[in-house]
């Protein structure tokens, strides 16, 4: 039963988490770099350091948001059903 509840919740929260992570990254990048958008990997205007730093920051933010949402969803299912979704 807990797996049945968790799957649709996981999909919906994953989509919302991706949108939230994108927003968080954009705001963090604006504050750190003072620019609206992070550099594209193929942009000739930026060096390796800027491109890789932006990618690392974006990856870290997405990973933290995903883990928080997945963990919160699993905890919510456990509260509702009494079982941790496996």
PDB file of N, CA and C in Angstrom:
ATOM      1  N   UNK A   1       0.812  -1.204   0.000  1.00  0.00           N
ATOM      2  CA  UNK A   1       0.000   0.000   0.000  1.00  0.00           C
ATOM      3  C   UNK A   1       0.851   1.263   0.000  1.00  0.00           C
ATOM      4  N   UNK A   2       1.923   1.279   0.805  1.00  0.00           N
ATOM      5  CA  UNK A   2       2.745   2.482   0.886  1.00  0.00           C
ATOM      6  C   UNK A   2       3.459   2.752  -0.434  1.00  0.00           C
ATOM      7  N   UNK A   3       3.815   1.691  -1.174  1.00  0.00           N
ATOM      8  CA  UNK A   3       4.451   1.888  -2.480  1.00  0.00           C
ATOM      9  C   UNK A   3       3.475   2.515  -3.463  1.00  0.00           C
ATOM     10  N   UNK A   4       2.210   2.106  -3.403  1.00  0.00           N
ATOM     11  CA  UNK A   4       1.205   2.671  -4.299  1.00  0.00           C
ATOM     12  C   UNK A   4       0.996   4.155  -4.040  1.00  0.00           C
ATOM     13  N   UNK A   5       1.019   4.551  -2.796  1.00  0.00           N
ATOM     14  CA  UNK A   5       0.886   5.970  -2.456  1.00  0.00           C
ATOM     15  C   UNK A   5       2.143   6.750  -2.813  1.00  0.00           C
ATOM     16  N   UNK A   6       3.277   6.118  -2.643  1.00  0.00           N
ATOM     17  CA  UNK A   6       4.540   6.831  -2.793  1.00  0.00           C
ATOM     18  C   UNK A   6       4.859   7.154  -4.245  1.00  0.00           C
ATOM     19  N   UNK A   7       4.575   6.253  -5.178  1.00  0.00           N
ATOM     20  CA  UNK A   7       4.951   6.471  -6.577  1.00  0.00           C
ATOM     21  C   UNK A   7       4.351   7.742  -7.168  1.00  0.00           C
ATOM     22  N   UNK A   8       3.027   7.933  -7.139  1.00  0.00           N
ATOM     23  CA  UNK A   8       2.485   9.170  -7.712  1.00  0.00           C
ATOM     24  C   UNK A   8       2.962  10.411  -6.961  1.00  0.00           C
ATOM     25  N   UNK A   9       3.076  10.301  -5.662  1.00  0.00           N
ATOM     26  CA  UNK A   9       3.587  11.418  -4.862  1.00  0.00           C
ATOM     27  C   UNK A   9       5.027  11.738  -5.259  1.00  0.00           C
ATOM     28  N   UNK A  10       5.820  10.716  -5.478  1.00  0.00           N
ATOM     29  CA  UNK A  10       7.213  10.884  -5.853  1.00  0.00           C
ATOM     30  C   UNK A  10       7.351  11.568  -7.211  1.00  0.00           C
ATOM     31  N   UNK A  11       6.530  11.156  -8.163  1.00  0.00           N
ATOM     32  CA  UNK A  11       6.586  11.756  -9.498  1.00  0.00           C
ATOM     33  C   UNK A  11       6.188  13.232  -9.450  1.00  0.00           C
ATOM     34  N   UNK A  12       5.084  13.516  -8.799  1.00  0.00           N
ATOM     35  CA  UNK A  12       4.604  14.896  -8.712  1.00  0.00           C
ATOM     36  C   UNK A  12       5.583  15.783  -7.943  1.00  0.00           C
ATOM     37  N   UNK A  13       6.096  15.269  -6.847  1.00  0.00           N
ATOM     38  CA  UNK A  13       7.030  16.080  -6.063  1.00  0.00           C
ATOM     39  C   UNK A  13       8.362  16.233  -6.784  1.00  0.00           C
ATOM     40  N   UNK A  14       8.749  15.257  -7.599  1.00  0.00           N
ATOM     41  CA  UNK A  14       9.975  15.372  -8.381  1.00  0.00           C
ATOM     42  C   UNK A  14       9.893  16.498  -9.399  1.00  0.00           C
ATOM     43  N   UNK A  15       8.747  16.611 -10.045  1.00  0.00           N
ATOM     44  CA  UNK A  15       8.547  17.697 -11.014  1.00  0.00           C
ATOM     45  C   UNK A  15       8.572  19.045 -10.298  1.00  0.00           C
ATOM     46  N   UNK A  16       7.842  19.136  -9.204  1.00  0.00           N
ATOM     47  CA  UNK A  16       7.827  20.390  -8.439  1.00  0.00           C
ATOM     48  C   UNK A  16       9.218  20.711  -7.896  1.00  0.00           C
ATOM     49  N   UNK A  17       9.943  19.685  -7.479  1.00  0.00           N
ATOM     50  CA  UNK A  17      11.294  19.893  -6.965  1.00  0.00           C
ATOM     51  C   UNK A  17      12.243  20.402  -8.028  1.00  0.00           C
ATOM     52  N   UNK A  18      12.105  19.900  -9.255  1.00  0.00           N
ATOM     53  CA  UNK A  18      12.939  20.383 -10.348  1.00  0.00           C
ATOM     54  C   UNK A  18      12.707  21.855 -10.626  1.00  0.00           C
ATOM     55  N   UNK A  19      11.447  22.248 -10.598  1.00  0.00           N
ATOM     56  CA  UNK A  19      11.112  23.662 -10.799  1.00  0.00           C
ATOM     57  C   UNK A  19      11.672  24.502  -9.649  1.00  0.00           C
ATOM     58  N   UNK A  20      11.491  24.021  -8.424  1.00  0.00           N
ATOM     59  CA  UNK A  20      11.995  24.751  -7.250  1.00  0.00           C
ATOM     60  C   UNK A  20      13.514  24.851  -7.275  1.00  0.00           C
ATOM     61  N   UNK A  21      14.186  23.771  -7.619  1.00  0.00           N
ATOM     62  CA  UNK A  21      15.650  23.778  -7.664  1.00  0.00           C
ATOM     63  C   UNK A  21      16.155  24.741  -8.728  1.00  0.00           C
ATOM     64  N   UNK A  22      15.477  24.780  -9.860  1.00  0.00           N
ATOM     65  CA  UNK A  22      15.855  25.724 -10.907  1.00  0.00           C
ATOM     66  C   UNK A  22      15.728  27.168 -10.439  1.00  0.00           C
ATOM     67  N   UNK A  23      14.661  27.461  -9.722  1.00  0.00           N
ATOM     68  CA  UNK A  23      14.463  28.800  -9.184  1.00  0.00           C
ATOM     69  C   UNK A  23      15.536  29.141  -8.150  1.00  0.00           C
ATOM     70  N   UNK A  24      15.803  28.200  -7.250  1.00  0.00           N
ATOM     71  CA  UNK A  24      16.824  28.428  -6.221  1.00  0.00           C
ATOM     72  C   UNK A  24      18.186  28.660  -6.868  1.00  0.00           C
ATOM     73  N   UNK A  25      18.547  27.832  -7.843  1.00  0.00           N
ATOM     74  CA  UNK A  25      19.834  28.007  -8.513  1.00  0.00           C
ATOM     75  C   UNK A  25      19.927  29.373  -9.174  1.00  0.00           C
ATOM     76  N   UNK A  26      18.878  29.789  -9.855  1.00  0.00           N
ATOM     77  CA  UNK A  26      18.896  31.090 -10.537  1.00  0.00           C
ATOM     78  C   UNK A  26      19.125  32.225  -9.535  1.00  0.00           C
ATOM     79  N   UNK A  27      18.460  32.150  -8.378  1.00  0.00           N
ATOM     80  CA  UNK A  27      18.622  33.189  -7.361  1.00  0.00           C
ATOM     81  C   UNK A  27      20.026  33.176  -6.755  1.00  0.00           C
ATOM     82  N   UNK A  28      20.545  31.987  -6.465  1.00  0.00           N
ATOM     83  CA  UNK A  28      21.896  31.875  -5.905  1.00  0.00           C
ATOM     84  C   UNK A  28      22.916  32.383  -6.917  1.00  0.00           C
ATOM     85  N   UNK A  29      22.753  32.003  -8.178  1.00  0.00           N
ATOM     86  CA  UNK A  29      23.701  32.444  -9.207  1.00  0.00           C
ATOM     87  C   UNK A  29      23.686  33.962  -9.345  1.00  0.00           C
ATOM     88  N   UNK A  30      22.491  34.567  -9.311  1.00  0.00           N
ATOM     89  CA  UNK A  30      22.386  36.033  -9.402  1.00  0.00           C
ATOM     90  C   UNK A  30      23.176  36.702  -8.288  1.00  0.00           C
ATOM     91  N   UNK A  31      23.047  36.159  -7.073  1.00  0.00           N
ATOM     92  CA  UNK A  31      23.738  36.772  -5.928  1.00  0.00           C
ATOM     93  C   UNK A  31      25.239  36.556  -5.979  1.00  0.00           C
ATOM     94  N   UNK A  32      25.661  35.368  -6.397  1.00  0.00           N
ATOM     95  CA  UNK A  32      27.088  35.069  -6.423  1.00  0.00           C
ATOM     96  C   UNK A  32      27.814  35.732  -7.583  1.00  0.00           C
ATOM     97  N   UNK A  33      27.216  35.658  -8.765  1.00  0.00           N
ATOM     98  CA  UNK A  33      27.902  36.125  -9.964  1.00  0.00           C
ATOM     99  C   UNK A  33      27.443  37.506 -10.412  1.00  0.00           C
ATOM    100  N   UNK A  34      26.317  37.956  -9.913  1.00  0.00           N
ATOM    101  CA  UNK A  34      25.799  39.253 -10.335  1.00  0.00           C
ATOM    102  C   UNK A  34      25.269  39.232 -11.760  1.00  0.00           C
ATOM    103  N   UNK A  35      24.945  38.060 -12.271  1.00  0.00           N
ATOM    104  CA  UNK A  35      24.422  37.917 -13.628  1.00  0.00           C
ATOM    105  C   UNK A  35      23.090  37.188 -13.574  1.00  0.00           C
ATOM    106  N   UNK A  36      22.241  37.453 -14.559  1.00  0.00           N
ATOM    107  CA  UNK A  36      20.925  36.813 -14.611  1.00  0.00           C
ATOM    108  C   UNK A  36      21.013  35.318 -14.853  1.00  0.00           C
ATOM    109  N   UNK A  37      21.855  34.924 -15.803  1.00  0.00           N
ATOM    110  CA  UNK A  37      21.922  33.521 -16.201  1.00  0.00           C
ATOM    111  C   UNK A  37      23.318  32.956 -16.009  1.00  0.00           C
ATOM    112  N   UNK A  38      23.361  31.675 -15.706  1.00  0.00           N
ATOM    113  CA  UNK A  38      24.646  30.977 -15.590  1.00  0.00           C
ATOM    114  C   UNK A  38      25.218  30.765 -16.989  1.00  0.00           C
ATOM    115  N   UNK A  39      26.524  30.628 -17.094  1.00  0.00           N
ATOM    116  CA  UNK A  39      27.123  30.429 -18.415  1.00  0.00           C
ATOM    117  C   UNK A  39      26.758  29.069 -19.009  1.00  0.00           C
ATOM    118  N   UNK A  40      26.515  29.074 -20.300  1.00  0.00           N
ATOM    119  CA  UNK A  40      26.289  27.824 -21.018  1.00  0.00           C
ATOM    120  C   UNK A  40      27.644  27.159 -21.246  1.00  0.00           C
ATOM    121  N   UNK A  41      27.707  25.843 -21.205  1.00  0.00           N
ATOM    122  CA  UNK A  41      28.985  25.149 -21.413  1.00  0.00           C
ATOM    123  C   UNK A  41      29.645  25.468 -22.755  1.00  0.00           C
ATOM    124  N   UNK A  42      28.841  25.792 -23.754  1.00  0.00           N
ATOM    125  CA  UNK A  42      29.396  26.067 -25.084  1.00  0.00           C
ATOM    126  C   UNK A  42      29.665  27.548 -25.335  1.00  0.00           C
ATOM    127  N   UNK A  43      29.442  28.379 -24.337  1.00  0.00           N
ATOM    128  CA  UNK A  43      29.663  29.815 -24.506  1.00  0.00           C
ATOM    129  C   UNK A  43      31.152  30.127 -24.528  1.00  0.00           C
ATOM    130  N   UNK A  44      31.564  30.894 -25.506  1.00  0.00           N
ATOM    131  CA  UNK A  44      32.965  31.289 -25.613  1.00  0.00           C
ATOM    132  C   UNK A  44      33.325  32.467 -24.722  1.00  0.00           C
ATOM    133  N   UNK A  45      32.333  33.074 -24.094  1.00  0.00           N
ATOM    134  CA  UNK A  45      32.568  34.250 -23.254  1.00  0.00           C
ATOM    135  C   UNK A  45      33.130  33.907 -21.881  1.00  0.00           C
ATOM    136  N   UNK A  46      33.029  32.646 -21.492  1.00  0.00           N
ATOM    137  CA  UNK A  46      33.441  32.241 -20.149  1.00  0.00           C
ATOM    138  C   UNK A  46      34.547  31.206 -20.240  1.00  0.00           C
ATOM    139  N   UNK A  47      35.364  31.180 -19.200  1.00  0.00           N
ATOM    140  CA  UNK A  47      36.420  30.183 -19.123  1.00  0.00           C
ATOM    141  C   UNK A  47      35.928  28.901 -18.479  1.00  0.00           C
ATOM    142  N   UNK A  48      36.809  27.926 -18.455  1.00  0.00           N
ATOM    143  CA  UNK A  48      36.494  26.633 -17.852  1.00  0.00           C
ATOM    144  C   UNK A  48      36.050  26.788 -16.397  1.00  0.00           C
ATOM    145  N   UNK A  49      36.730  27.625 -15.651  1.00  0.00           N
ATOM    146  CA  UNK A  49      36.434  27.759 -14.219  1.00  0.00           C
ATOM    147  C   UNK A  49      35.005  28.215 -13.977  1.00  0.00           C
ATOM    148  N   UNK A  50      34.553  29.222 -14.716  1.00  0.00           N
ATOM    149  CA  UNK A  50      33.189  29.729 -14.523  1.00  0.00           C
ATOM    150  C   UNK A  50      32.143  28.695 -14.930  1.00  0.00           C
ATOM    151  N   UNK A  51      32.383  28.051 -16.063  1.00  0.00           N
ATOM    152  CA  UNK A  51      31.418  27.063 -16.554  1.00  0.00           C
ATOM    153  C   UNK A  51      31.316  25.880 -15.590  1.00  0.00           C
ATOM    154  N   UNK A  52      32.464  25.373 -15.138  1.00  0.00           N
ATOM    155  CA  UNK A  52      32.439  24.225 -14.239  1.00  0.00           C
ATOM    156  C   UNK A  52      31.923  24.584 -12.858  1.00  0.00           C
ATOM    157  N   UNK A  53      32.226  25.784 -12.387  1.00  0.00           N
ATOM    158  CA  UNK A  53      31.694  26.223 -11.096  1.00  0.00           C
ATOM    159  C   UNK A  53      30.170  26.328 -11.146  1.00  0.00           C
ATOM    160  N   UNK A  54      29.640  26.876 -12.228  1.00  0.00           N
ATOM    161  CA  UNK A  54      28.188  26.985 -12.380  1.00  0.00           C
ATOM    162  C   UNK A  54      27.546  25.600 -12.419  1.00  0.00           C
ATOM    163  N   UNK A  55      28.154  24.680 -13.156  1.00  0.00           N
ATOM    164  CA  UNK A  55      27.609  23.321 -13.254  1.00  0.00           C
ATOM    165  C   UNK A  55      27.658  22.607 -11.902  1.00  0.00           C
ATOM    166  N   UNK A  56      28.741  22.775 -11.177  1.00  0.00           N
ATOM    167  CA  UNK A  56      28.868  22.134  -9.867  1.00  0.00           C
ATOM    168  C   UNK A  56      27.836  22.686  -8.886  1.00  0.00           C
ATOM    169  N   UNK A  57      27.666  23.991  -8.890  1.00  0.00           N
ATOM    170  CA  UNK A  57      26.683  24.611  -8.006  1.00  0.00           C
ATOM    171  C   UNK A  57      25.271  24.157  -8.364  1.00  0.00           C
ATOM    172  N   UNK A  58      24.975  24.137  -9.644  1.00  0.00           N
ATOM    173  CA  UNK A  58      23.657  23.702 -10.085  1.00  0.00           C
ATOM    174  C   UNK A  58      23.407  22.240  -9.697  1.00  0.00           C
ATOM    175  N   UNK A  59      24.381  21.392  -9.900  1.00  0.00           N
ATOM    176  CA  UNK A  59      24.244  19.986  -9.533  1.00  0.00           C
ATOM    177  C   UNK A  59      24.046  19.793  -8.048  1.00  0.00           C
ATOM    178  N   UNK A  60      24.793  20.549  -7.255  1.00  0.00           N
ATOM    179  CA  UNK A  60      24.656  20.437  -5.794  1.00  0.00           C
ATOM    180  C   UNK A  60      23.269  20.877  -5.339  1.00  0.00           C
ATOM    181  N   UNK A  61      22.785  21.968  -5.876  1.00  0.00           N
ATOM    182  CA  UNK A  61      21.458  22.461  -5.485  1.00  0.00           C
ATOM    183  C   UNK A  61      20.380  21.456  -5.886  1.00  0.00           C
ATOM    184  N   UNK A  62      20.462  20.947  -7.110  1.00  0.00           N
ATOM    185  CA  UNK A  62      19.464  19.973  -7.553  1.00  0.00           C
ATOM    186  C   UNK A  62      19.511  18.712  -6.696  1.00  0.00           C
ATOM    187  N   UNK A  63      20.700  18.247  -6.345  1.00  0.00           N
ATOM    188  CA  UNK A  63      20.827  17.030  -5.537  1.00  0.00           C
ATOM    189  C   UNK A  63      20.245  17.224  -4.138  1.00  0.00           C
ATOM    190  N   UNK A  64      20.513  18.358  -3.530  1.00  0.00           N
ATOM    191  CA  UNK A  64      19.992  18.627  -2.182  1.00  0.00           C
ATOM    192  C   UNK A  64      18.470  18.749  -2.206  1.00  0.00           C
ATOM    193  N   UNK A  65      17.938  19.465  -3.187  1.00  0.00           N
ATOM    194  CA  UNK A  65      16.480  19.608  -3.280  1.00  0.00           C
ATOM    195  C   UNK A  65      15.832  18.254  -3.527  1.00  0.00           C
ATOM    196  N   UNK A  66      16.400  17.446  -4.421  1.00  0.00           N
ATOM    197  CA  UNK A  66      15.846  16.119  -4.705  1.00  0.00           C
ATOM    198  C   UNK A  66      15.857  15.233  -3.459  1.00  0.00           C
ATOM    199  N   UNK A  67      16.980  15.231  -2.749  1.00  0.00           N
ATOM    200  CA  UNK A  67      17.067  14.414  -1.536  1.00  0.00           C
ATOM    201  C   UNK A  67      16.063  14.879  -0.487  1.00  0.00           C
ATOM    202  N   UNK A  68      15.912  16.170  -0.318  1.00  0.00           N
ATOM    203  CA  UNK A  68      14.967  16.695   0.666  1.00  0.00           C
ATOM    204  C   UNK A  68      13.527  16.334   0.298  1.00  0.00           C
ATOM    205  N   UNK A  69      13.194  16.438  -0.973  1.00  0.00           N
ATOM    206  CA  UNK A  69      11.832  16.115  -1.404  1.00  0.00           C
ATOM    207  C   UNK A  69      11.569  14.623  -1.303  1.00  0.00           C
ATOM    208  N   UNK A  70      12.526  13.801  -1.744  1.00  0.00           N
ATOM    209  CA  UNK A  70      12.357  12.350  -1.639  1.00  0.00           C
ATOM    210  C   UNK A  70      12.207  11.916  -0.185  1.00  0.00           C
ATOM    211  N   UNK A  71      13.045  12.461   0.663  1.00  0.00           N
ATOM    212  CA  UNK A  71      12.998  12.101   2.082  1.00  0.00           C
ATOM    213  C   UNK A  71      11.688  12.559   2.720  1.00  0.00           C
ATOM    214  N   UNK A  72      11.268  13.775   2.403  1.00  0.00           N
ATOM    215  CA  UNK A  72      10.015  14.292   2.936  1.00  0.00           C
ATOM    216  C   UNK A  72       8.811  13.492   2.460  1.00  0.00           C
ATOM    217  N   UNK A  73       8.829  13.093   1.195  1.00  0.00           N
ATOM    218  CA  UNK A  73       7.738  12.280   0.665  1.00  0.00           C
ATOM    219  C   UNK A  73       7.663  10.927   1.337  1.00  0.00           C
ATOM    220  N   UNK A  74       8.807  10.295   1.525  1.00  0.00           N
ATOM    221  CA  UNK A  74       8.839   8.994   2.192  1.00  0.00           C
ATOM    222  C   UNK A  74       8.366   9.115   3.645  1.00  0.00           C
ATOM    223  N   UNK A  75       8.790  10.170   4.310  1.00  0.00           N
ATOM    224  CA  UNK A  75       8.360  10.381   5.697  1.00  0.00           C
ATOM    225  C   UNK A  75       6.855  10.638   5.760  1.00  0.00           C
ATOM    226  N   UNK A  76       6.325  11.364   4.785  1.00  0.00           N
ATOM    227  CA  UNK A  76       4.889  11.612   4.747  1.00  0.00           C
ATOM    228  C   UNK A  76       4.087  10.337   4.532  1.00  0.00           C
ATOM    229  N   UNK A  77       4.578   9.479   3.644  1.00  0.00           N
ATOM    230  CA  UNK A  77       3.900   8.198   3.420  1.00  0.00           C
ATOM    231  C   UNK A  77       3.955   7.349   4.679  1.00  0.00           C
ATOM    232  N   UNK A  78       5.085   7.373   5.366  1.00  0.00           N
ATOM    233  CA  UNK A  78       5.184   6.604   6.611  1.00  0.00           C
ATOM    234  C   UNK A  78       4.199   7.113   7.659  1.00  0.00           C
ATOM    235  N   UNK A  79       4.049   8.431   7.734  1.00  0.00           N
ATOM    236  CA  UNK A  79       3.071   8.991   8.688  1.00  0.00           C
ATOM    237  C   UNK A  79       1.653   8.555   8.350  1.00  0.00           C
ATOM    238  N   UNK A  80       1.339   8.488   7.044  1.00  0.00           N
ATOM    239  CA  UNK A  80      -0.008   8.104   6.624  1.00  0.00           C
ATOM    240  C   UNK A  80      -0.282   6.609   6.756  1.00  0.00           C
ATOM    241  N   UNK A  81       0.728   5.795   6.426  1.00  0.00           N
ATOM    242  CA  UNK A  81       0.504   4.346   6.367  1.00  0.00           C
ATOM    243  C   UNK A  81       1.143   3.571   7.502  1.00  0.00           C
ATOM    244  N   UNK A  82       2.117   4.153   8.162  1.00  0.00           N
ATOM    245  CA  UNK A  82       2.841   3.451   9.208  1.00  0.00           C
ATOM    246  C   UNK A  82       4.027   2.657   8.678  1.00  0.00           C
ATOM    247  N   UNK A  83       4.201   2.631   7.340  1.00  0.00           N
ATOM    248  CA  UNK A  83       5.299   1.888   6.728  1.00  0.00           C
ATOM    249  C   UNK A  83       6.165   2.799   5.889  1.00  0.00           C
ATOM    250  N   UNK A  84       7.457   2.550   5.936  1.00  0.00           N
ATOM    251  CA  UNK A  84       8.397   3.277   5.107  1.00  0.00           C
ATOM    252  C   UNK A  84       8.363   2.693   3.700  1.00  0.00           C
ATOM    253  N   UNK A  85       8.140   3.516   2.666  1.00  0.00           N
ATOM    254  CA  UNK A  85       8.110   2.956   1.314  1.00  0.00           C
ATOM    255  C   UNK A  85       9.491   2.469   0.900  1.00  0.00           C
ATOM    256  N   UNK A  86       9.539   1.260   0.387  1.00  0.00           N
ATOM    257  CA  UNK A  86      10.835   0.681   0.015  1.00  0.00           C
ATOM    258  C   UNK A  86      11.077   0.735  -1.465  1.00  0.00           C
TER     259      UNK A  86
END
